[in-house]
PDB file of N, CA and C in Angstrom:
ATOM      1  N   MET A   1      -2.412  -3.846  -0.566  1.00  0.00           N
ATOM      2  CA  MET A   1      -2.750  -5.229  -0.348  1.00  0.00           C
ATOM      3  C   MET A   1      -2.248  -5.644   1.019  1.00  0.00           C
ATOM      4  N   ARG A   2      -3.115  -6.247   1.763  1.00  0.00           N
ATOM      5  CA  ARG A   2      -2.820  -6.553   3.164  1.00  0.00           C
ATOM      6  C   ARG A   2      -1.581  -7.439   3.319  1.00  0.00           C
ATOM      7  N   LYS A   3      -1.428  -8.421   2.458  1.00  0.00           N
ATOM      8  CA  LYS A   3      -0.293  -9.326   2.644  1.00  0.00           C
ATOM      9  C   LYS A   3       1.051  -8.609   2.450  1.00  0.00           C
ATOM     10  N   PHE A   4       1.080  -7.563   1.653  1.00  0.00           N
ATOM     11  CA  PHE A   4       2.314  -6.788   1.511  1.00  0.00           C
ATOM     12  C   PHE A   4       2.586  -5.981   2.781  1.00  0.00           C
ATOM     13  N   THR A   5       1.525  -5.465   3.372  1.00  0.00           N
ATOM     14  CA  THR A   5       1.677  -4.754   4.637  1.00  0.00           C
ATOM     15  C   THR A   5       2.192  -5.708   5.708  1.00  0.00           C
ATOM     16  N   GLU A   6       1.628  -6.901   5.760  1.00  0.00           N
ATOM     17  CA  GLU A   6       2.091  -7.907   6.732  1.00  0.00           C
ATOM     18  C   GLU A   6       3.562  -8.234   6.511  1.00  0.00           C
ATOM     19  N   ALA A   7       3.959  -8.385   5.258  1.00  0.00           N
ATOM     20  CA  ALA A   7       5.348  -8.738   4.948  1.00  0.00           C
ATOM     21  C   ALA A   7       6.313  -7.613   5.310  1.00  0.00           C
ATOM     22  N   ALA A   8       5.865  -6.366   5.150  1.00  0.00           N
ATOM     23  CA  ALA A   8       6.727  -5.221   5.460  1.00  0.00           C
ATOM     24  C   ALA A   8       6.899  -5.020   6.968  1.00  0.00           C
ATOM     25  N   ARG A   9       5.971  -5.541   7.750  1.00  0.00           N
ATOM     26  CA  ARG A   9       6.019  -5.476   9.215  1.00  0.00           C
ATOM     27  C   ARG A   9       6.201  -4.050   9.752  1.00  0.00           C
ATOM     28  N   PRO A  10       5.320  -3.128   9.367  1.00  0.00           N
ATOM     29  CA  PRO A  10       5.423  -1.774   9.931  1.00  0.00           C
ATOM     30  C   PRO A  10       5.050  -1.808  11.411  1.00  0.00           C
ATOM     31  N   PRO A  11       5.478  -0.826  12.193  1.00  0.00           N
ATOM     32  CA  PRO A  11       5.170  -0.831  13.620  1.00  0.00           C
ATOM     33  C   PRO A  11       3.673  -0.751  13.899  1.00  0.00           C
ATOM     34  N   ARG A  12       2.928  -0.101  13.043  1.00  0.00           N
ATOM     35  CA  ARG A  12       1.466  -0.025  13.148  1.00  0.00           C
ATOM     36  C   ARG A  12       0.925   0.320  11.770  1.00  0.00           C
ATOM     37  N   SER A  13      -0.291  -0.152  11.505  1.00  0.00           N
ATOM     38  CA  SER A  13      -0.856   0.097  10.186  1.00  0.00           C
ATOM     39  C   SER A  13      -2.372   0.006  10.230  1.00  0.00           C
ATOM     40  N   LEU A  14      -3.003   0.742   9.326  1.00  0.00           N
ATOM     41  CA  LEU A  14      -4.428   0.624   9.073  1.00  0.00           C
ATOM     42  C   LEU A  14      -4.584   0.043   7.678  1.00  0.00           C
ATOM     43  N   TYR A  15      -5.597  -0.794   7.501  1.00  0.00           N
ATOM     44  CA  TYR A  15      -5.801  -1.413   6.193  1.00  0.00           C
ATOM     45  C   TYR A  15      -7.204  -1.120   5.691  1.00  0.00           C
ATOM     46  N   LEU A  16      -7.289  -0.724   4.441  1.00  0.00           N
ATOM     47  CA  LEU A  16      -8.549  -0.533   3.727  1.00  0.00           C
ATOM     48  C   LEU A  16      -8.468  -1.330   2.436  1.00  0.00           C
ATOM     49  N   ASN A  17      -9.470  -2.125   2.146  1.00  0.00           N
ATOM     50  CA  ASN A  17      -9.493  -2.895   0.905  1.00  0.00           C
ATOM     51  C   ASN A  17     -10.083  -2.030  -0.197  1.00  0.00           C
ATOM     52  N   TRP A  18      -9.284  -1.081  -0.644  1.00  0.00           N
ATOM     53  CA  TRP A  18      -9.708  -0.104  -1.637  1.00  0.00           C
ATOM     54  C   TRP A  18      -8.749  -0.087  -2.806  1.00  0.00           C
ATOM     55  N   PRO A  19      -9.167   0.535  -3.908  1.00  0.00           N
ATOM     56  CA  PRO A  19      -8.260   0.655  -5.054  1.00  0.00           C
ATOM     57  C   PRO A  19      -6.988   1.421  -4.679  1.00  0.00           C
ATOM     58  N   MET A  20      -5.898   1.028  -5.279  1.00  0.00           N
ATOM     59  CA  MET A  20      -4.628   1.716  -5.051  1.00  0.00           C
ATOM     60  C   MET A  20      -4.770   3.191  -5.400  1.00  0.00           C
ATOM     61  N   GLY A  21      -4.072   4.030  -4.660  1.00  0.00           N
ATOM     62  CA  GLY A  21      -4.083   5.451  -4.942  1.00  0.00           C
ATOM     63  C   GLY A  21      -5.170   6.232  -4.229  1.00  0.00           C
ATOM     64  N   HIS A  22      -5.928   5.562  -3.367  1.00  0.00           N
ATOM     65  CA  HIS A  22      -7.010   6.232  -2.640  1.00  0.00           C
ATOM     66  C   HIS A  22      -6.869   5.972  -1.135  1.00  0.00           C
ATOM     67  N   PRO A  23      -5.742   6.333  -0.530  1.00  0.00           N
ATOM     68  CA  PRO A  23      -5.516   5.970   0.873  1.00  0.00           C
ATOM     69  C   PRO A  23      -6.467   6.637   1.863  1.00  0.00           C
ATOM     70  N   PHE A  24      -7.044   7.774   1.498  1.00  0.00           N
ATOM     71  CA  PHE A  24      -7.933   8.460   2.433  1.00  0.00           C
ATOM     72  C   PHE A  24      -9.374   8.486   1.961  1.00  0.00           C
ATOM     73  N   GLY A  25      -9.697   7.794   0.892  1.00  0.00           N
ATOM     74  CA  GLY A  25     -11.092   7.696   0.495  1.00  0.00           C
ATOM     75  C   GLY A  25     -11.387   8.157  -0.905  1.00  0.00           C
ATOM     76  N   GLU A  26     -12.681   8.223  -1.154  1.00  0.00           N
ATOM     77  CA  GLU A  26     -13.169   8.579  -2.470  1.00  0.00           C
ATOM     78  C   GLU A  26     -12.904  10.049  -2.767  1.00  0.00           C
ATOM     79  N   PRO A  27     -12.536  10.369  -3.993  1.00  0.00           N
ATOM     80  CA  PRO A  27     -12.288  11.761  -4.354  1.00  0.00           C
ATOM     81  C   PRO A  27     -13.512  12.634  -4.063  1.00  0.00           C
ATOM     82  N   GLY A  28     -13.274  13.748  -3.395  1.00  0.00           N
ATOM     83  CA  GLY A  28     -14.337  14.694  -3.103  1.00  0.00           C
ATOM     84  C   GLY A  28     -15.195  14.365  -1.894  1.00  0.00           C
ATOM     85  N   ASN A  29     -14.992  13.207  -1.280  1.00  0.00           N
ATOM     86  CA  ASN A  29     -15.791  12.806  -0.122  1.00  0.00           C
ATOM     87  C   ASN A  29     -15.056  13.234   1.155  1.00  0.00           C
ATOM     88  N   LYS A  30     -15.181  14.519   1.488  1.00  0.00           N
ATOM     89  CA  LYS A  30     -14.428  15.088   2.606  1.00  0.00           C
ATOM     90  C   LYS A  30     -14.789  14.451   3.940  1.00  0.00           C
ATOM     91  N   ALA A  31     -16.060  14.130   4.153  1.00  0.00           N
ATOM     92  CA  ALA A  31     -16.482  13.524   5.421  1.00  0.00           C
ATOM     93  C   ALA A  31     -15.802  12.163   5.607  1.00  0.00           C
ATOM     94  N   GLN A  32     -15.774  11.364   4.558  1.00  0.00           N
ATOM     95  CA  GLN A  32     -15.128  10.061   4.615  1.00  0.00           C
ATOM     96  C   GLN A  32     -13.622  10.215   4.854  1.00  0.00           C
ATOM     97  N   GLN A  33     -13.005  11.144   4.151  1.00  0.00           N
ATOM     98  CA  GLN A  33     -11.568  11.366   4.290  1.00  0.00           C
ATOM     99  C   GLN A  33     -11.219  11.799   5.719  1.00  0.00           C
ATOM    100  N   MET A  34     -12.065  12.633   6.315  1.00  0.00           N
ATOM    101  CA  MET A  34     -11.818  13.073   7.695  1.00  0.00           C
ATOM    102  C   MET A  34     -11.969  11.917   8.684  1.00  0.00           C
ATOM    103  N   ARG A  35     -12.944  11.031   8.469  1.00  0.00           N
ATOM    104  CA  ARG A  35     -13.098   9.864   9.350  1.00  0.00           C
ATOM    105  C   ARG A  35     -11.854   8.995   9.302  1.00  0.00           C
ATOM    106  N   ILE A  36     -11.342   8.767   8.098  1.00  0.00           N
ATOM    107  CA  ILE A  36     -10.162   7.915   7.947  1.00  0.00           C
ATOM    108  C   ILE A  36      -8.937   8.594   8.561  1.00  0.00           C
ATOM    109  N   LEU A  37      -8.800   9.882   8.358  1.00  0.00           N
ATOM    110  CA  LEU A  37      -7.684  10.616   8.954  1.00  0.00           C
ATOM    111  C   LEU A  37      -7.754  10.551  10.474  1.00  0.00           C
ATOM    112  N   ARG A  38      -8.944  10.712  11.041  1.00  0.00           N
ATOM    113  CA  ARG A  38      -9.092  10.604  12.499  1.00  0.00           C
ATOM    114  C   ARG A  38      -8.747   9.195  12.984  1.00  0.00           C
ATOM    115  N   ASP A  39      -9.178   8.176  12.229  1.00  0.00           N
ATOM    116  CA  ASP A  39      -8.823   6.798  12.588  1.00  0.00           C
ATOM    117  C   ASP A  39      -7.309   6.607  12.571  1.00  0.00           C
ATOM    118  N   ALA A  40      -6.655   7.175  11.569  1.00  0.00           N
ATOM    119  CA  ALA A  40      -5.205   7.039  11.462  1.00  0.00           C
ATOM    120  C   ALA A  40      -4.507   7.718  12.633  1.00  0.00           C
ATOM    121  N   LEU A  41      -4.953   8.891  12.995  1.00  0.00           N
ATOM    122  CA  LEU A  41      -4.336   9.595  14.127  1.00  0.00           C
ATOM    123  C   LEU A  41      -4.618   8.865  15.441  1.00  0.00           C
ATOM    124  N   SER A  42      -5.807   8.313  15.586  1.00  0.00           N
ATOM    125  CA  SER A  42      -6.135   7.548  16.799  1.00  0.00           C
ATOM    126  C   SER A  42      -5.280   6.293  16.911  1.00  0.00           C
ATOM    127  N   ALA A  43      -4.918   5.723  15.777  1.00  0.00           N
ATOM    128  CA  ALA A  43      -4.126   4.495  15.789  1.00  0.00           C
ATOM    129  C   ALA A  43      -2.778   4.702  16.477  1.00  0.00           C
ATOM    130  N   PHE A  44      -2.224   5.909  16.390  1.00  0.00           N
ATOM    131  CA  PHE A  44      -0.955   6.174  17.077  1.00  0.00           C
ATOM    132  C   PHE A  44      -1.087   5.945  18.578  1.00  0.00           C
ATOM    133  N   GLN A  45      -2.234   6.268  19.116  1.00  0.00           N
ATOM    134  CA  GLN A  45      -2.472   6.103  20.547  1.00  0.00           C
ATOM    135  C   GLN A  45      -3.012   4.705  20.864  1.00  0.00           C
ATOM    136  N   ASP A  46      -3.880   4.184  20.017  1.00  0.00           N
ATOM    137  CA  ASP A  46      -4.594   2.948  20.318  1.00  0.00           C
ATOM    138  C   ASP A  46      -3.755   1.689  20.111  1.00  0.00           C
ATOM    139  N   ILE A  47      -2.876   1.694  19.131  1.00  0.00           N
ATOM    140  CA  ILE A  47      -2.082   0.493  18.846  1.00  0.00           C
ATOM    141  C   ILE A  47      -0.895   0.446  19.792  1.00  0.00           C
ATOM    142  N   THR A  48      -0.885  -0.574  20.610  1.00  0.00           N
ATOM    143  CA  THR A  48       0.212  -0.718  21.577  1.00  0.00           C
ATOM    144  C   THR A  48       1.109  -1.914  21.269  1.00  0.00           C
ATOM    145  N   GLU A  49       0.640  -2.836  20.450  1.00  0.00           N
ATOM    146  CA  GLU A  49       1.402  -4.033  20.099  1.00  0.00           C
ATOM    147  C   GLU A  49       2.097  -3.821  18.762  1.00  0.00           C
ATOM    148  N   PRO A  50       3.427  -3.892  18.718  1.00  0.00           N
ATOM    149  CA  PRO A  50       4.132  -3.707  17.438  1.00  0.00           C
ATOM    150  C   PRO A  50       3.639  -4.688  16.375  1.00  0.00           C
ATOM    151  N   GLY A  51       3.508  -4.195  15.164  1.00  0.00           N
ATOM    152  CA  GLY A  51       3.080  -5.026  14.054  1.00  0.00           C
ATOM    153  C   GLY A  51       1.578  -5.140  13.892  1.00  0.00           C
ATOM    154  N   THR A  52       0.823  -4.442  14.727  1.00  0.00           N
ATOM    155  CA  THR A  52      -0.632  -4.508  14.651  1.00  0.00           C
ATOM    156  C   THR A  52      -1.145  -3.866  13.371  1.00  0.00           C
ATOM    157  N   ILE A  53      -2.086  -4.543  12.738  1.00  0.00           N
ATOM    158  CA  ILE A  53      -2.769  -4.008  11.562  1.00  0.00           C
ATOM    159  C   ILE A  53      -4.255  -3.947  11.907  1.00  0.00           C
ATOM    160  N   ILE A  54      -4.840  -2.773  11.805  1.00  0.00           N
ATOM    161  CA  ILE A  54      -6.271  -2.605  12.048  1.00  0.00           C
ATOM    162  C   ILE A  54      -6.983  -2.558  10.702  1.00  0.00           C
ATOM    163  N   ASP A  55      -7.952  -3.441  10.537  1.00  0.00           N
ATOM    164  CA  ASP A  55      -8.772  -3.437   9.330  1.00  0.00           C
ATOM    165  C   ASP A  55      -9.927  -2.461   9.554  1.00  0.00           C
ATOM    166  N   LEU A  56      -9.936  -1.403   8.777  1.00  0.00           N
ATOM    167  CA  LEU A  56     -11.012  -0.420   8.910  1.00  0.00           C
ATOM    168  C   LEU A  56     -12.282  -0.952   8.239  1.00  0.00           C
ATOM    169  N   PRO A  57     -13.439  -0.599   8.785  1.00  0.00           N
ATOM    170  CA  PRO A  57     -14.697  -1.183   8.304  1.00  0.00           C
ATOM    171  C   PRO A  57     -15.293  -0.514   7.068  1.00  0.00           C
ATOM    172  N   TYR A  58     -14.664   0.512   6.547  1.00  0.00           N
ATOM    173  CA  TYR A  58     -15.245   1.264   5.444  1.00  0.00           C
ATOM    174  C   TYR A  58     -15.207   0.465   4.152  1.00  0.00           C
ATOM    175  N   ARG A  59     -16.217   0.662   3.324  1.00  0.00           N
ATOM    176  CA  ARG A  59     -16.305  -0.025   2.041  1.00  0.00           C
ATOM    177  C   ARG A  59     -16.290   0.999   0.919  1.00  0.00           C
ATOM    178  N   TRP A  60     -15.659   0.634  -0.167  1.00  0.00           N
ATOM    179  CA  TRP A  60     -15.564   1.512  -1.333  1.00  0.00           C
ATOM    180  C   TRP A  60     -16.956   1.685  -1.915  1.00  0.00           C
ATOM    181  N   GLY A  61     -17.409   2.933  -2.078  1.00  0.00           N
ATOM    182  CA  GLY A  61     -18.755   3.201  -2.527  1.00  0.00           C
ATOM    183  C   GLY A  61     -18.885   3.592  -3.982  1.00  0.00           C
ATOM    184  N   ARG A  62     -17.802   3.661  -4.682  1.00  0.00           N
ATOM    185  CA  ARG A  62     -17.839   4.025  -6.099  1.00  0.00           C
ATOM    186  C   ARG A  62     -18.192   2.792  -6.925  1.00  0.00           C
ATOM    187  N   PRO A  63     -18.676   2.987  -8.142  1.00  0.00           N
ATOM    188  CA  PRO A  63     -19.085   1.843  -8.962  1.00  0.00           C
ATOM    189  C   PRO A  63     -17.940   0.967  -9.469  1.00  0.00           C
ATOM    190  N   GLU A  64     -16.693   1.378  -9.264  1.00  0.00           N
ATOM    191  CA  GLU A  64     -15.574   0.542  -9.702  1.00  0.00           C
ATOM    192  C   GLU A  64     -15.652  -0.821  -9.018  1.00  0.00           C
ATOM    193  N   ASP A  65     -15.293  -1.834  -9.732  1.00  0.00           N
ATOM    194  CA  ASP A  65     -15.264  -3.185  -9.183  1.00  0.00           C
ATOM    195  C   ASP A  65     -13.911  -3.391  -8.514  1.00  0.00           C
ATOM    196  N   THR A  66     -13.887  -3.394  -7.175  1.00  0.00           N
ATOM    197  CA  THR A  66     -12.615  -3.503  -6.462  1.00  0.00           C
ATOM    198  C   THR A  66     -11.997  -4.893  -6.581  1.00  0.00           C
ATOM    199  N   SER A  67     -12.735  -5.895  -7.082  1.00  0.00           N
ATOM    200  CA  SER A  67     -12.135  -7.220  -7.218  1.00  0.00           C
ATOM    201  C   SER A  67     -10.975  -7.203  -8.207  1.00  0.00           C
ATOM    202  N   SER A  68     -10.985  -6.262  -9.134  1.00  0.00           N
ATOM    203  CA  SER A  68      -9.885  -6.180 -10.094  1.00  0.00           C
ATOM    204  C   SER A  68      -8.604  -5.671  -9.442  1.00  0.00           C
ATOM    205  N   PHE A  69      -8.699  -5.170  -8.210  1.00  0.00           N
ATOM    206  CA  PHE A  69      -7.521  -4.674  -7.504  1.00  0.00           C
ATOM    207  C   PHE A  69      -6.903  -5.729  -6.599  1.00  0.00           C
ATOM    208  N   GLU A  70      -7.522  -6.887  -6.512  1.00  0.00           N
ATOM    209  CA  GLU A  70      -6.971  -7.963  -5.696  1.00  0.00           C
ATOM    210  C   GLU A  70      -5.867  -8.655  -6.477  1.00  0.00           C
ATOM    211  N   CYS A  71      -4.944  -9.201  -5.751  1.00  0.00           N
ATOM    212  CA  CYS A  71      -3.796  -9.829  -6.393  1.00  0.00           C
ATOM    213  C   CYS A  71      -3.616 -11.240  -5.875  1.00  0.00           C
ATOM    214  N   ASP A  72      -3.446 -12.175  -6.752  1.00  0.00           N
ATOM    215  CA  ASP A  72      -3.120 -13.544  -6.368  1.00  0.00           C
ATOM    216  C   ASP A  72      -1.614 -13.686  -6.549  1.00  0.00           C
ATOM    217  N   CYS A  73      -0.868 -13.046  -5.659  1.00  0.00           N
ATOM    218  CA  CYS A  73       0.581 -12.893  -5.826  1.00  0.00           C
ATOM    219  C   CYS A  73       1.393 -13.899  -5.022  1.00  0.00           C
ATOM    220  N   ASP A  74       0.817 -15.033  -4.681  1.00  0.00           N
ATOM    221  CA  ASP A  74       1.545 -16.026  -3.873  1.00  0.00           C
ATOM    222  C   ASP A  74       2.679 -16.662  -4.626  1.00  0.00           C
TER     223      ASP A  74
END
């Protein structure tokens, strides 16, 4: 959840609005996982401002309803 990442204030971060437990993508989708891994490695070079969070444009393609993974934790 993005707000937890913001609160933790890591030096750099990538954010995907996906179900928990799938940090690199859909199971078995090697092409997607490689794109995300490349984005993560590029972030080490591209992010120059501490605390930057990059929202990746990928969308969850499985039939699971990701709205159930959102949290109204205010």
